[in-house]
């Protein structure tokens, strides 16, 4: 993952940081898009990262704030499971 790609994820692909509730909603959308693009199911996440599907759904919907640790863990996992470009 390039610095630019990581920056785009952390800034939720916007030029200004939105209010906190909207930030987590947008971050969740970015995570869901990345996960589905990589053909990763919630069950893969549960099996490999021990994040329950309900918790992942709350992250992806913006209903739950994601810790930096879980965010980095998810990003690393999705990057490792991406097909070679």
Protein backbone atom coordinates (compact mmCIF):
# COMPACT_ATOMS: atom_id res chain seq x y z
CA UNK A 1 0.00 0.00 0.00
CA UNK A 2 1.45 3.34 -0.98
CA UNK A 3 1.58 6.37 1.27
CA UNK A 4 -1.00 8.04 -0.99
CA UNK A 5 -3.38 5.07 -0.70
CA UNK A 6 -3.00 5.02 3.07
CA UNK A 7 -3.54 8.78 3.25
CA UNK A 8 -6.71 8.42 1.14
CA UNK A 9 -8.04 5.79 3.54
CA UNK A 10 -7.29 7.79 6.69
CA UNK A 11 -8.77 10.97 5.21
CA UNK A 12 -11.77 9.00 3.87
CA UNK A 13 -11.03 10.29 0.38
CA UNK A 14 -12.08 13.85 1.21
CA UNK A 15 -10.19 17.13 1.23
CA UNK A 16 -11.54 18.15 4.64
CA UNK A 17 -12.12 15.94 7.65
CA UNK A 18 -15.87 15.66 8.28
CA UNK A 19 -17.57 15.62 11.71
CA UNK A 20 -16.67 12.57 13.79
CA UNK A 21 -19.91 10.66 13.16
CA UNK A 22 -19.62 11.21 9.41
CA UNK A 23 -15.90 10.37 9.42
CA UNK A 24 -16.55 6.90 10.84
CA UNK A 25 -19.43 6.37 8.43
CA UNK A 26 -17.20 7.26 5.47
CA UNK A 27 -14.30 5.21 6.84
CA UNK A 28 -16.65 2.24 7.13
CA UNK A 29 -17.72 2.70 3.50
CA UNK A 30 -14.08 2.72 2.40
CA UNK A 31 -13.35 -0.44 4.43
CA UNK A 32 -16.42 -2.24 3.06
CA UNK A 33 -15.49 -1.29 -0.50
CA UNK A 34 -11.92 -2.52 -0.01
CA UNK A 35 -13.11 -5.77 1.59
CA UNK A 36 -15.64 -6.56 -1.13
CA UNK A 37 -13.18 -5.61 -3.90
CA UNK A 38 -10.76 -8.13 -2.40
CA UNK A 39 -13.53 -10.78 -2.20
CA UNK A 40 -13.11 -11.08 1.55
CA UNK A 41 -16.18 -12.16 3.50
CA UNK A 42 -17.01 -11.28 7.11
CA UNK A 43 -16.40 -14.95 7.92
CA UNK A 44 -12.81 -14.66 6.60
CA UNK A 45 -12.29 -11.66 8.89
CA UNK A 46 -13.71 -13.55 11.87
CA UNK A 47 -11.61 -16.63 11.18
CA UNK A 48 -8.33 -14.87 10.47
CA UNK A 49 -8.53 -11.72 12.62
CA UNK A 50 -11.00 -12.76 15.34
CA UNK A 51 -13.29 -9.79 14.61
CA UNK A 52 -16.91 -10.97 14.89
CA UNK A 53 -19.17 -10.27 11.86
CA UNK A 54 -21.46 -8.04 13.98
CA UNK A 55 -18.50 -5.90 15.02
CA UNK A 56 -17.26 -5.67 11.42
CA UNK A 57 -20.75 -4.66 10.28
CA UNK A 58 -20.80 -1.90 12.92
CA UNK A 59 -17.37 -0.67 11.74
CA UNK A 60 -18.49 -0.69 8.11
CA UNK A 61 -21.74 1.14 8.86
CA UNK A 62 -20.04 3.75 11.05
CA UNK A 63 -22.00 2.69 14.13
CA UNK A 64 -18.82 1.80 16.01
CA UNK A 65 -15.51 3.63 16.14
CA UNK A 66 -12.67 1.39 15.03
CA UNK A 67 -9.46 1.32 17.02
CA UNK A 68 -6.22 2.17 15.25
CA UNK A 69 -5.02 -1.37 15.97
CA UNK A 70 -8.08 -3.01 14.36
CA UNK A 71 -7.94 -0.59 11.43
CA UNK A 72 -4.27 -1.32 10.73
CA UNK A 73 -4.89 -5.03 11.21
CA UNK A 74 -7.76 -4.97 8.68
CA UNK A 75 -5.79 -2.90 6.17
CA UNK A 76 -2.78 -5.19 6.43
CA UNK A 77 -4.96 -8.27 6.02
CA UNK A 78 -6.78 -6.87 2.99
CA UNK A 79 -3.51 -5.84 1.37
CA UNK A 80 -2.03 -9.31 1.87
CA UNK A 81 -5.07 -11.01 0.35
CA UNK A 82 -5.21 -8.73 -2.73
CA UNK A 83 -4.14 -10.40 -5.97
CA UNK A 84 -0.82 -9.19 -7.36
CA UNK A 85 -1.18 -6.06 -9.51
